[in-house]
Amino acid sequence: MGLFSKLFGSKGPNKTEEYLANGAVVIDVRNADEFAGGHVEGSKNIPVGAIGHKVNQIKKLKKPVILCCASGMRSGKATDILKREGIDAINGGSWKAVNRYFS
């Protein structure tokens, strides 16, 4: 068992994989220029500063949400915002980590 597993418990099934299997939508919370430089195919771009204003739009999707950004910091913040609003959301980390599931 690795140090990470000892600290945080056994990972079990990958959450990103599980969410994608359940029809999750990927929301990239980087700015438009970053998004234009590369992103997960089919993902939506809603910058983290605008995520609170888009809650109703996201709720209308009626799907679980995977958030991503460059490193996982902004998507972590956005995940907290959406969870407080009752949206089933996880932090997928970097967009490149999420993109691996689409290759």
PDB file of N, CA and C in Angstrom:
ATOM      1  N   MET A   1       0.851  -1.181   0.000  1.00  0.00           N
ATOM      2  CA  MET A   1       0.000   0.000   0.000  1.00  0.00           C
ATOM      3  C   MET A   1       0.889   1.233   0.000  1.00  0.00           C
ATOM      4  N   GLY A   2       0.632   2.179  -0.908  1.00  0.00           N
ATOM      5  CA  GLY A   2       1.428   3.388  -1.009  1.00  0.00           C
ATOM      6  C   GLY A   2       1.061   4.400   0.061  1.00  0.00           C
ATOM      7  N   LEU A   3       1.894   5.407   0.191  1.00  0.00           N
ATOM      8  CA  LEU A   3       1.670   6.456   1.181  1.00  0.00           C
ATOM      9  C   LEU A   3       0.329   7.151   0.953  1.00  0.00           C
ATOM     10  N   PHE A   4       0.029   7.458  -0.295  1.00  0.00           N
ATOM     11  CA  PHE A   4      -1.234   8.130  -0.609  1.00  0.00           C
ATOM     12  C   PHE A   4      -2.412   7.271  -0.144  1.00  0.00           C
ATOM     13  N   SER A   5      -2.363   5.968  -0.429  1.00  0.00           N
ATOM     14  CA  SER A   5      -3.433   5.060  -0.025  1.00  0.00           C
ATOM     15  C   SER A   5      -3.546   4.980   1.488  1.00  0.00           C
ATOM     16  N   LYS A   6      -2.396   4.987   2.178  1.00  0.00           N
ATOM     17  CA  LYS A   6      -2.422   4.945   3.640  1.00  0.00           C
ATOM     18  C   LYS A   6      -3.079   6.187   4.211  1.00  0.00           C
ATOM     19  N   LEU A   7      -2.796   7.333   3.597  1.00  0.00           N
ATOM     20  CA  LEU A   7      -3.351   8.589   4.097  1.00  0.00           C
ATOM     21  C   LEU A   7      -4.824   8.768   3.760  1.00  0.00           C
ATOM     22  N   PHE A   8      -5.206   8.360   2.558  1.00  0.00           N
ATOM     23  CA  PHE A   8      -6.553   8.663   2.086  1.00  0.00           C
ATOM     24  C   PHE A   8      -7.428   7.444   1.854  1.00  0.00           C
ATOM     25  N   GLY A   9      -6.914   6.258   2.114  1.00  0.00           N
ATOM     26  CA  GLY A   9      -7.702   5.049   1.935  1.00  0.00           C
ATOM     27  C   GLY A   9      -7.578   4.506   0.535  1.00  0.00           C
ATOM     28  N   SER A  10      -8.051   3.311   0.354  1.00  0.00           N
ATOM     29  CA  SER A  10      -7.990   2.655  -0.949  1.00  0.00           C
ATOM     30  C   SER A  10      -8.854   3.406  -1.943  1.00  0.00           C
ATOM     31  N   LYS A  11      -8.327   3.622  -3.102  1.00  0.00           N
ATOM     32  CA  LYS A  11      -8.998   4.422  -4.123  1.00  0.00           C
ATOM     33  C   LYS A  11     -10.215   3.716  -4.704  1.00  0.00           C
ATOM     34  N   GLY A  12     -10.153   2.408  -4.855  1.00  0.00           N
ATOM     35  CA  GLY A  12     -11.273   1.685  -5.463  1.00  0.00           C
ATOM     36  C   GLY A  12     -11.434   2.099  -6.904  1.00  0.00           C
ATOM     37  N   PRO A  13     -12.638   1.966  -7.437  1.00  0.00           N
ATOM     38  CA  PRO A  13     -12.856   2.350  -8.835  1.00  0.00           C
ATOM     39  C   PRO A  13     -12.556   3.834  -9.028  1.00  0.00           C
ATOM     40  N   ASN A  14     -11.974   4.162 -10.171  1.00  0.00           N
ATOM     41  CA  ASN A  14     -11.634   5.544 -10.481  1.00  0.00           C
ATOM     42  C   ASN A  14     -12.908   6.369 -10.609  1.00  0.00           C
ATOM     43  N   LYS A  15     -12.985   7.457  -9.846  1.00  0.00           N
ATOM     44  CA  LYS A  15     -14.182   8.307  -9.843  1.00  0.00           C
ATOM     45  C   LYS A  15     -14.464   8.915 -11.207  1.00  0.00           C
ATOM     46  N   THR A  16     -13.422   9.373 -11.901  1.00  0.00           N
ATOM     47  CA  THR A  16     -13.628   9.971 -13.217  1.00  0.00           C
ATOM     48  C   THR A  16     -14.240   8.949 -14.158  1.00  0.00           C
ATOM     49  N   GLU A  17     -13.690   7.757 -14.149  1.00  0.00           N
ATOM     50  CA  GLU A  17     -14.199   6.682 -15.003  1.00  0.00           C
ATOM     51  C   GLU A  17     -15.660   6.372 -14.669  1.00  0.00           C
ATOM     52  N   GLU A  18     -15.941   6.304 -13.379  1.00  0.00           N
ATOM     53  CA  GLU A  18     -17.294   6.022 -12.907  1.00  0.00           C
ATOM     54  C   GLU A  18     -18.266   7.110 -13.368  1.00  0.00           C
ATOM     55  N   TYR A  19     -17.868   8.362 -13.221  1.00  0.00           N
ATOM     56  CA  TYR A  19     -18.724   9.469 -13.619  1.00  0.00           C
ATOM     57  C   TYR A  19     -18.959   9.474 -15.133  1.00  0.00           C
ATOM     58  N   LEU A  20     -17.910   9.224 -15.902  1.00  0.00           N
ATOM     59  CA  LEU A  20     -18.068   9.177 -17.359  1.00  0.00           C
ATOM     60  C   LEU A  20     -19.023   8.059 -17.770  1.00  0.00           C
ATOM     61  N   ALA A  21     -18.931   6.929 -17.094  1.00  0.00           N
ATOM     62  CA  ALA A  21     -19.824   5.804 -17.384  1.00  0.00           C
ATOM     63  C   ALA A  21     -21.278   6.159 -17.080  1.00  0.00           C
ATOM     64  N   ASN A  22     -21.469   7.122 -16.184  1.00  0.00           N
ATOM     65  CA  ASN A  22     -22.819   7.566 -15.823  1.00  0.00           C
ATOM     66  C   ASN A  22     -23.250   8.808 -16.601  1.00  0.00           C
ATOM     67  N   GLY A  23     -22.553   9.102 -17.696  1.00  0.00           N
ATOM     68  CA  GLY A  23     -22.966  10.195 -18.582  1.00  0.00           C
ATOM     69  C   GLY A  23     -22.568  11.579 -18.151  1.00  0.00           C
ATOM     70  N   ALA A  24     -21.526  11.697 -17.353  1.00  0.00           N
ATOM     71  CA  ALA A  24     -21.101  13.009 -16.850  1.00  0.00           C
ATOM     72  C   ALA A  24     -20.707  13.951 -17.975  1.00  0.00           C
ATOM     73  N   VAL A  25     -20.921  15.219 -17.712  1.00  0.00           N
ATOM     74  CA  VAL A  25     -20.461  16.278 -18.597  1.00  0.00           C
ATOM     75  C   VAL A  25     -19.151  16.815 -18.026  1.00  0.00           C
ATOM     76  N   VAL A  26     -18.206  17.140 -18.901  1.00  0.00           N
ATOM     77  CA  VAL A  26     -16.921  17.696 -18.473  1.00  0.00           C
ATOM     78  C   VAL A  26     -16.971  19.209 -18.652  1.00  0.00           C
ATOM     79  N   ILE A  27     -16.685  19.910 -17.555  1.00  0.00           N
ATOM     80  CA  ILE A  27     -16.636  21.371 -17.598  1.00  0.00           C
ATOM     81  C   ILE A  27     -15.213  21.799 -17.262  1.00  0.00           C
ATOM     82  N   ASP A  28     -14.617  22.539 -18.184  1.00  0.00           N
ATOM     83  CA  ASP A  28     -13.262  23.053 -18.040  1.00  0.00           C
ATOM     84  C   ASP A  28     -13.379  24.484 -17.530  1.00  0.00           C
ATOM     85  N   VAL A  29     -12.795  24.761 -16.375  1.00  0.00           N
ATOM     86  CA  VAL A  29     -12.973  26.075 -15.752  1.00  0.00           C
ATOM     87  C   VAL A  29     -11.812  27.042 -15.997  1.00  0.00           C
ATOM     88  N   ARG A  30     -10.945  26.709 -16.970  1.00  0.00           N
ATOM     89  CA  ARG A  30      -9.874  27.642 -17.344  1.00  0.00           C
ATOM     90  C   ARG A  30     -10.466  28.792 -18.163  1.00  0.00           C
ATOM     91  N   ASN A  31      -9.660  29.829 -18.394  1.00  0.00           N
ATOM     92  CA  ASN A  31     -10.152  30.939 -19.208  1.00  0.00           C
ATOM     93  C   ASN A  31     -10.226  30.527 -20.682  1.00  0.00           C
ATOM     94  N   ALA A  32     -10.884  31.332 -21.482  1.00  0.00           N
ATOM     95  CA  ALA A  32     -11.138  30.997 -22.887  1.00  0.00           C
ATOM     96  C   ALA A  32      -9.853  30.786 -23.686  1.00  0.00           C
ATOM     97  N   ASP A  33      -8.822  31.581 -23.414  1.00  0.00           N
ATOM     98  CA  ASP A  33      -7.551  31.429 -24.139  1.00  0.00           C
ATOM     99  C   ASP A  33      -6.889  30.092 -23.804  1.00  0.00           C
ATOM    100  N   GLU A  34      -6.908  29.718 -22.529  1.00  0.00           N
ATOM    101  CA  GLU A  34      -6.344  28.426 -22.132  1.00  0.00           C
ATOM    102  C   GLU A  34      -7.123  27.287 -22.785  1.00  0.00           C
ATOM    103  N   PHE A  35      -8.433  27.392 -22.762  1.00  0.00           N
ATOM    104  CA  PHE A  35      -9.305  26.374 -23.343  1.00  0.00           C
ATOM    105  C   PHE A  35      -9.035  26.225 -24.837  1.00  0.00           C
ATOM    106  N   ALA A  36      -8.852  27.355 -25.522  1.00  0.00           N
ATOM    107  CA  ALA A  36      -8.583  27.330 -26.962  1.00  0.00           C
ATOM    108  C   ALA A  36      -7.256  26.639 -27.274  1.00  0.00           C
ATOM    109  N   GLY A  37      -6.334  26.645 -26.328  1.00  0.00           N
ATOM    110  CA  GLY A  37      -5.033  26.012 -26.514  1.00  0.00           C
ATOM    111  C   GLY A  37      -5.049  24.498 -26.381  1.00  0.00           C
ATOM    112  N   GLY A  38      -6.178  23.937 -25.999  1.00  0.00           N
ATOM    113  CA  GLY A  38      -6.325  22.493 -25.851  1.00  0.00           C
ATOM    114  C   GLY A  38      -7.333  22.186 -24.767  1.00  0.00           C
ATOM    115  N   HIS A  39      -8.175  21.191 -25.010  1.00  0.00           N
ATOM    116  CA  HIS A  39      -9.212  20.822 -24.045  1.00  0.00           C
ATOM    117  C   HIS A  39      -9.744  19.423 -24.349  1.00  0.00           C
ATOM    118  N   VAL A  40     -10.520  18.900 -23.429  1.00  0.00           N
ATOM    119  CA  VAL A  40     -11.172  17.618 -23.614  1.00  0.00           C
ATOM    120  C   VAL A  40     -12.251  17.790 -24.682  1.00  0.00           C
ATOM    121  N   GLU A  41     -12.232  16.917 -25.684  1.00  0.00           N
ATOM    122  CA  GLU A  41     -13.226  16.996 -26.751  1.00  0.00           C
ATOM    123  C   GLU A  41     -14.625  16.877 -26.160  1.00  0.00           C
ATOM    124  N   GLY A  42     -15.482  17.817 -26.548  1.00  0.00           N
ATOM    125  CA  GLY A  42     -16.868  17.814 -26.075  1.00  0.00           C
ATOM    126  C   GLY A  42     -17.077  18.509 -24.741  1.00  0.00           C
ATOM    127  N   SER A  43     -15.995  18.974 -24.117  1.00  0.00           N
ATOM    128  CA  SER A  43     -16.143  19.648 -22.823  1.00  0.00           C
ATOM    129  C   SER A  43     -16.705  21.048 -23.015  1.00  0.00           C
ATOM    130  N   LYS A  44     -17.308  21.548 -21.949  1.00  0.00           N
ATOM    131  CA  LYS A  44     -17.847  22.903 -21.946  1.00  0.00           C
ATOM    132  C   LYS A  44     -16.853  23.799 -21.217  1.00  0.00           C
ATOM    133  N   ASN A  45     -16.723  25.034 -21.676  1.00  0.00           N
ATOM    134  CA  ASN A  45     -15.816  25.976 -21.035  1.00  0.00           C
ATOM    135  C   ASN A  45     -16.622  26.993 -20.246  1.00  0.00           C
ATOM    136  N   ILE A  46     -16.517  26.911 -18.922  1.00  0.00           N
ATOM    137  CA  ILE A  46     -17.125  27.900 -18.035  1.00  0.00           C
ATOM    138  C   ILE A  46     -16.033  28.316 -17.051  1.00  0.00           C
ATOM    139  N   PRO A  47     -15.412  29.477 -17.261  1.00  0.00           N
ATOM    140  CA  PRO A  47     -14.344  29.910 -16.356  1.00  0.00           C
ATOM    141  C   PRO A  47     -14.793  29.912 -14.890  1.00  0.00           C
ATOM    142  N   VAL A  48     -13.873  29.586 -14.009  1.00  0.00           N
ATOM    143  CA  VAL A  48     -14.200  29.447 -12.587  1.00  0.00           C
ATOM    144  C   VAL A  48     -14.892  30.685 -12.027  1.00  0.00           C
ATOM    145  N   GLY A  49     -14.521  31.862 -12.487  1.00  0.00           N
ATOM    146  CA  GLY A  49     -15.150  33.084 -12.002  1.00  0.00           C
ATOM    147  C   GLY A  49     -16.618  33.213 -12.378  1.00  0.00           C
ATOM    148  N   ALA A  50     -17.051  32.458 -13.391  1.00  0.00           N
ATOM    149  CA  ALA A  50     -18.435  32.521 -13.851  1.00  0.00           C
ATOM    150  C   ALA A  50     -19.271  31.328 -13.383  1.00  0.00           C
ATOM    151  N   ILE A  51     -18.635  30.345 -12.757  1.00  0.00           N
ATOM    152  CA  ILE A  51     -19.335  29.103 -12.432  1.00  0.00           C
ATOM    153  C   ILE A  51     -20.542  29.329 -11.514  1.00  0.00           C
ATOM    154  N   GLY A  52     -20.409  30.235 -10.567  1.00  0.00           N
ATOM    155  CA  GLY A  52     -21.522  30.522  -9.661  1.00  0.00           C
ATOM    156  C   GLY A  52     -22.728  31.108 -10.363  1.00  0.00           C
ATOM    157  N   HIS A  53     -22.492  31.808 -11.462  1.00  0.00           N
ATOM    158  CA  HIS A  53     -23.582  32.415 -12.225  1.00  0.00           C
ATOM    159  C   HIS A  53     -24.225  31.425 -13.197  1.00  0.00           C
ATOM    160  N   LYS A  54     -23.606  30.276 -13.378  1.00  0.00           N
ATOM    161  CA  LYS A  54     -24.092  29.280 -14.336  1.00  0.00           C
ATOM    162  C   LYS A  54     -24.713  28.056 -13.658  1.00  0.00           C
ATOM    163  N   VAL A  55     -24.927  28.135 -12.353  1.00  0.00           N
ATOM    164  CA  VAL A  55     -25.446  26.990 -11.601  1.00  0.00           C
ATOM    165  C   VAL A  55     -26.766  26.482 -12.185  1.00  0.00           C
ATOM    166  N   ASN A  56     -27.699  27.371 -12.466  1.00  0.00           N
ATOM    167  CA  ASN A  56     -28.998  26.941 -12.998  1.00  0.00           C
ATOM    168  C   ASN A  56     -28.845  26.263 -14.355  1.00  0.00           C
ATOM    169  N   GLN A  57     -27.972  26.794 -15.188  1.00  0.00           N
ATOM    170  CA  GLN A  57     -27.700  26.199 -16.499  1.00  0.00           C
ATOM    171  C   GLN A  57     -27.114  24.796 -16.320  1.00  0.00           C
ATOM    172  N   ILE A  58     -26.219  24.633 -15.374  1.00  0.00           N
ATOM    173  CA  ILE A  58     -25.588  23.334 -15.123  1.00  0.00           C
ATOM    174  C   ILE A  58     -26.602  22.352 -14.547  1.00  0.00           C
ATOM    175  N   LYS A  59     -27.473  22.822 -13.659  1.00  0.00           N
ATOM    176  CA  LYS A  59     -28.519  21.958 -13.097  1.00  0.00           C
ATOM    177  C   LYS A  59     -29.440  21.437 -14.192  1.00  0.00           C
ATOM    178  N   LYS A  60     -29.721  22.259 -15.195  1.00  0.00           N
ATOM    179  CA  LYS A  60     -30.609  21.855 -16.292  1.00  0.00           C
ATOM    180  C   LYS A  60     -30.036  20.711 -17.119  1.00  0.00           C
ATOM    181  N   LEU A  61     -28.720  20.499 -17.055  1.00  0.00           N
ATOM    182  CA  LEU A  61     -28.110  19.392 -17.796  1.00  0.00           C
ATOM    183  C   LEU A  61     -28.549  18.040 -17.234  1.00  0.00           C
ATOM    184  N   LYS A  62     -28.898  18.031 -15.943  1.00  0.00           N
ATOM    185  CA  LYS A  62     -29.344  16.815 -15.251  1.00  0.00           C
ATOM    186  C   LYS A  62     -28.357  15.660 -15.424  1.00  0.00           C
ATOM    187  N   LYS A  63     -27.080  15.996 -15.284  1.00  0.00           N
ATOM    188  CA  LYS A  63     -26.010  15.016 -15.409  1.00  0.00           C
ATOM    189  C   LYS A  63     -24.972  15.272 -14.327  1.00  0.00           C
ATOM    190  N   PRO A  64     -24.244  14.225 -13.935  1.00  0.00           N
ATOM    191  CA  PRO A  64     -23.112  14.478 -13.042  1.00  0.00           C
ATOM    192  C   PRO A  64     -22.065  15.307 -13.783  1.00  0.00           C
ATOM    193  N   VAL A  65     -21.206  15.977 -13.034  1.00  0.00           N
ATOM    194  CA  VAL A  65     -20.239  16.900 -13.619  1.00  0.00           C
ATOM    195  C   VAL A  65     -18.815  16.539 -13.183  1.00  0.00           C
ATOM    196  N   ILE A  66     -17.909  16.561 -14.158  1.00  0.00           N
ATOM    197  CA  ILE A  66     -16.476  16.439 -13.887  1.00  0.00           C
ATOM    198  C   ILE A  66     -15.865  17.780 -14.235  1.00  0.00           C
ATOM    199  N   LEU A  67     -15.213  18.399 -13.263  1.00  0.00           N
ATOM    200  CA  LEU A  67     -14.572  19.689 -13.506  1.00  0.00           C
ATOM    201  C   LEU A  67     -13.081  19.499 -13.681  1.00  0.00           C
ATOM    202  N   CYS A  68     -12.494  20.299 -14.567  1.00  0.00           N
ATOM    203  CA  CYS A  68     -11.047  20.232 -14.788  1.00  0.00           C
ATOM    204  C   CYS A  68     -10.519  21.626 -15.084  1.00  0.00           C
ATOM    205  N   CYS A  69      -9.195  21.750 -14.993  1.00  0.00           N
ATOM    206  CA  CYS A  69      -8.512  23.011 -15.293  1.00  0.00           C
ATOM    207  C   CYS A  69      -7.080  22.680 -15.689  1.00  0.00           C
ATOM    208  N   ALA A  70      -6.129  23.501 -15.333  1.00  0.00           N
ATOM    209  CA  ALA A  70      -4.733  23.228 -15.678  1.00  0.00           C
ATOM    210  C   ALA A  70      -4.087  22.277 -14.665  1.00  0.00           C
ATOM    211  N   SER A  71      -4.378  22.476 -13.386  1.00  0.00           N
ATOM    212  CA  SER A  71      -3.708  21.679 -12.354  1.00  0.00           C
ATOM    213  C   SER A  71      -4.641  20.985 -11.376  1.00  0.00           C
ATOM    214  N   GLY A  72      -5.874  21.442 -11.300  1.00  0.00           N
ATOM    215  CA  GLY A  72      -6.821  20.895 -10.338  1.00  0.00           C
ATOM    216  C   GLY A  72      -7.206  21.876  -9.247  1.00  0.00           C
ATOM    217  N   MET A  73      -6.519  22.995  -9.179  1.00  0.00           N
ATOM    218  CA  MET A  73      -6.825  23.987  -8.139  1.00  0.00           C
ATOM    219  C   MET A  73      -8.142  24.716  -8.420  1.00  0.00           C
ATOM    220  N   ARG A  74      -8.268  25.277  -9.598  1.00  0.00           N
ATOM    221  CA  ARG A  74      -9.502  26.000  -9.944  1.00  0.00           C
ATOM    222  C   ARG A  74     -10.691  25.057 -10.026  1.00  0.00           C
ATOM    223  N   SER A  75     -10.459  23.862 -10.557  1.00  0.00           N
ATOM    224  CA  SER A  75     -11.566  22.902 -10.651  1.00  0.00           C
ATOM    225  C   SER A  75     -11.989  22.435  -9.258  1.00  0.00           C
ATOM    226  N   GLY A  76     -11.063  22.423  -8.311  1.00  0.00           N
ATOM    227  CA  GLY A  76     -11.416  22.097  -6.927  1.00  0.00           C
ATOM    228  C   GLY A  76     -12.335  23.145  -6.336  1.00  0.00           C
ATOM    229  N   LYS A  77     -12.017  24.396  -6.602  1.00  0.00           N
ATOM    230  CA  LYS A  77     -12.859  25.503  -6.130  1.00  0.00           C
ATOM    231  C   LYS A  77     -14.250  25.427  -6.770  1.00  0.00           C
ATOM    232  N   ALA A  78     -14.284  25.176  -8.076  1.00  0.00           N
ATOM    233  CA  ALA A  78     -15.562  25.080  -8.787  1.00  0.00           C
ATOM    234  C   ALA A  78     -16.377  23.887  -8.292  1.00  0.00           C
ATOM    235  N   THR A  79     -15.705  22.778  -7.991  1.00  0.00           N
ATOM    236  CA  THR A  79     -16.396  21.594  -7.466  1.00  0.00           C
ATOM    237  C   THR A  79     -17.087  21.934  -6.153  1.00  0.00           C
ATOM    238  N   ASP A  80     -16.388  22.639  -5.273  1.00  0.00           N
ATOM    239  CA  ASP A  80     -16.983  23.035  -3.994  1.00  0.00           C
ATOM    240  C   ASP A  80     -18.219  23.897  -4.205  1.00  0.00           C
ATOM    241  N   ILE A  81     -18.149  24.829  -5.134  1.00  0.00           N
ATOM    242  CA  ILE A  81     -19.292  25.707  -5.426  1.00  0.00           C
ATOM    243  C   ILE A  81     -20.486  24.885  -5.898  1.00  0.00           C
ATOM    244  N   LEU A  82     -20.258  23.982  -6.847  1.00  0.00           N
ATOM    245  CA  LEU A  82     -21.366  23.192  -7.390  1.00  0.00           C
ATOM    246  C   LEU A  82     -21.942  22.225  -6.357  1.00  0.00           C
ATOM    247  N   LYS A  83     -21.094  21.617  -5.563  1.00  0.00           N
ATOM    248  CA  LYS A  83     -21.577  20.699  -4.522  1.00  0.00           C
ATOM    249  C   LYS A  83     -22.463  21.441  -3.518  1.00  0.00           C
ATOM    250  N   ARG A  84     -22.077  22.650  -3.147  1.00  0.00           N
ATOM    251  CA  ARG A  84     -22.902  23.458  -2.227  1.00  0.00           C
ATOM    252  C   ARG A  84     -24.280  23.728  -2.822  1.00  0.00           C
ATOM    253  N   GLU A  85     -24.355  23.742  -4.143  1.00  0.00           N
ATOM    254  CA  GLU A  85     -25.621  23.996  -4.831  1.00  0.00           C
ATOM    255  C   GLU A  85     -26.393  22.693  -5.122  1.00  0.00           C
ATOM    256  N   GLY A  86     -25.882  21.573  -4.608  1.00  0.00           N
ATOM    257  CA  GLY A  86     -26.583  20.300  -4.762  1.00  0.00           C
ATOM    258  C   GLY A  86     -26.301  19.569  -6.056  1.00  0.00           C
ATOM    259  N   ILE A  87     -25.263  19.968  -6.771  1.00  0.00           N
ATOM    260  CA  ILE A  87     -24.907  19.320  -8.037  1.00  0.00           C
ATOM    261  C   ILE A  87     -23.891  18.214  -7.753  1.00  0.00           C
ATOM    262  N   ASP A  88     -24.111  17.053  -8.358  1.00  0.00           N
ATOM    263  CA  ASP A  88     -23.207  15.917  -8.229  1.00  0.00           C
ATOM    264  C   ASP A  88     -21.966  16.209  -9.069  1.00  0.00           C
ATOM    265  N   ALA A  89     -20.889  16.608  -8.418  1.00  0.00           N
ATOM    266  CA  ALA A  89     -19.684  17.048  -9.131  1.00  0.00           C
ATOM    267  C   ALA A  89     -18.425  16.500  -8.461  1.00  0.00           C
ATOM    268  N   ILE A  90     -17.413  16.241  -9.310  1.00  0.00           N
ATOM    269  CA  ILE A  90     -16.099  15.846  -8.804  1.00  0.00           C
ATOM    270  C   ILE A  90     -15.026  16.678  -9.494  1.00  0.00           C
ATOM    271  N   ASN A  91     -13.901  16.773  -8.820  1.00  0.00           N
ATOM    272  CA  ASN A  91     -12.735  17.455  -9.379  1.00  0.00           C
ATOM    273  C   ASN A  91     -11.925  16.414 -10.145  1.00  0.00           C
ATOM    274  N   GLY A  92     -11.886  16.552 -11.460  1.00  0.00           N
ATOM    275  CA  GLY A  92     -11.108  15.632 -12.290  1.00  0.00           C
ATOM    276  C   GLY A  92      -9.637  15.989 -12.351  1.00  0.00           C
ATOM    277  N   GLY A  93      -9.266  17.141 -11.793  1.00  0.00           N
ATOM    278  CA  GLY A  93      -7.874  17.577 -11.832  1.00  0.00           C
ATOM    279  C   GLY A  93      -7.561  18.299 -13.125  1.00  0.00           C
ATOM    280  N   SER A  94      -6.408  18.022 -13.677  1.00  0.00           N
ATOM    281  CA  SER A  94      -6.010  18.709 -14.905  1.00  0.00           C
ATOM    282  C   SER A  94      -6.819  18.201 -16.097  1.00  0.00           C
ATOM    283  N   TRP A  95      -6.989  19.060 -17.080  1.00  0.00           N
ATOM    284  CA  TRP A  95      -7.741  18.652 -18.270  1.00  0.00           C
ATOM    285  C   TRP A  95      -7.021  17.512 -18.986  1.00  0.00           C
ATOM    286  N   LYS A  96      -5.690  17.488 -18.896  1.00  0.00           N
ATOM    287  CA  LYS A  96      -4.924  16.425 -19.547  1.00  0.00           C
ATOM    288  C   LYS A  96      -5.181  15.081 -18.876  1.00  0.00           C
ATOM    289  N   ALA A  97      -5.371  15.086 -17.556  1.00  0.00           N
ATOM    290  CA  ALA A  97      -5.678  13.833 -16.849  1.00  0.00           C
ATOM    291  C   ALA A  97      -7.057  13.315 -17.278  1.00  0.00           C
ATOM    292  N   VAL A  98      -8.018  14.203 -17.408  1.00  0.00           N
ATOM    293  CA  VAL A  98      -9.351  13.804 -17.844  1.00  0.00           C
ATOM    294  C   VAL A  98      -9.332  13.379 -19.297  1.00  0.00           C
ATOM    295  N   ASN A  99      -8.539  14.063 -20.093  1.00  0.00           N
ATOM    296  CA  ASN A  99      -8.456  13.783 -21.529  1.00  0.00           C
ATOM    297  C   ASN A  99      -7.981  12.357 -21.830  1.00  0.00           C
ATOM    298  N   ARG A 100      -7.210  11.772 -20.910  1.00  0.00           N
ATOM    299  CA  ARG A 100      -6.729  10.406 -21.111  1.00  0.00           C
ATOM    300  C   ARG A 100      -7.864   9.408 -21.294  1.00  0.00           C
ATOM    301  N   TYR A 101      -9.028   9.708 -20.740  1.00  0.00           N
ATOM    302  CA  TYR A 101     -10.185   8.810 -20.865  1.00  0.00           C
ATOM    303  C   TYR A 101     -10.847   8.928 -22.229  1.00  0.00           C
ATOM    304  N   PHE A 102     -10.437   9.908 -23.017  1.00  0.00           N
ATOM    305  CA  PHE A 102     -11.031  10.134 -24.325  1.00  0.00           C
ATOM    306  C   PHE A 102     -10.090   9.754 -25.463  1.00  0.00           C
ATOM    307  N   SER A 103      -8.887   9.323 -25.149  1.00  0.00           N
ATOM    308  CA  SER A 103      -7.898   8.990 -26.187  1.00  0.00           C
ATOM    309  C   SER A 103      -8.074   7.585 -26.696  1.00  0.00           C
TER     310      SER A 103
END
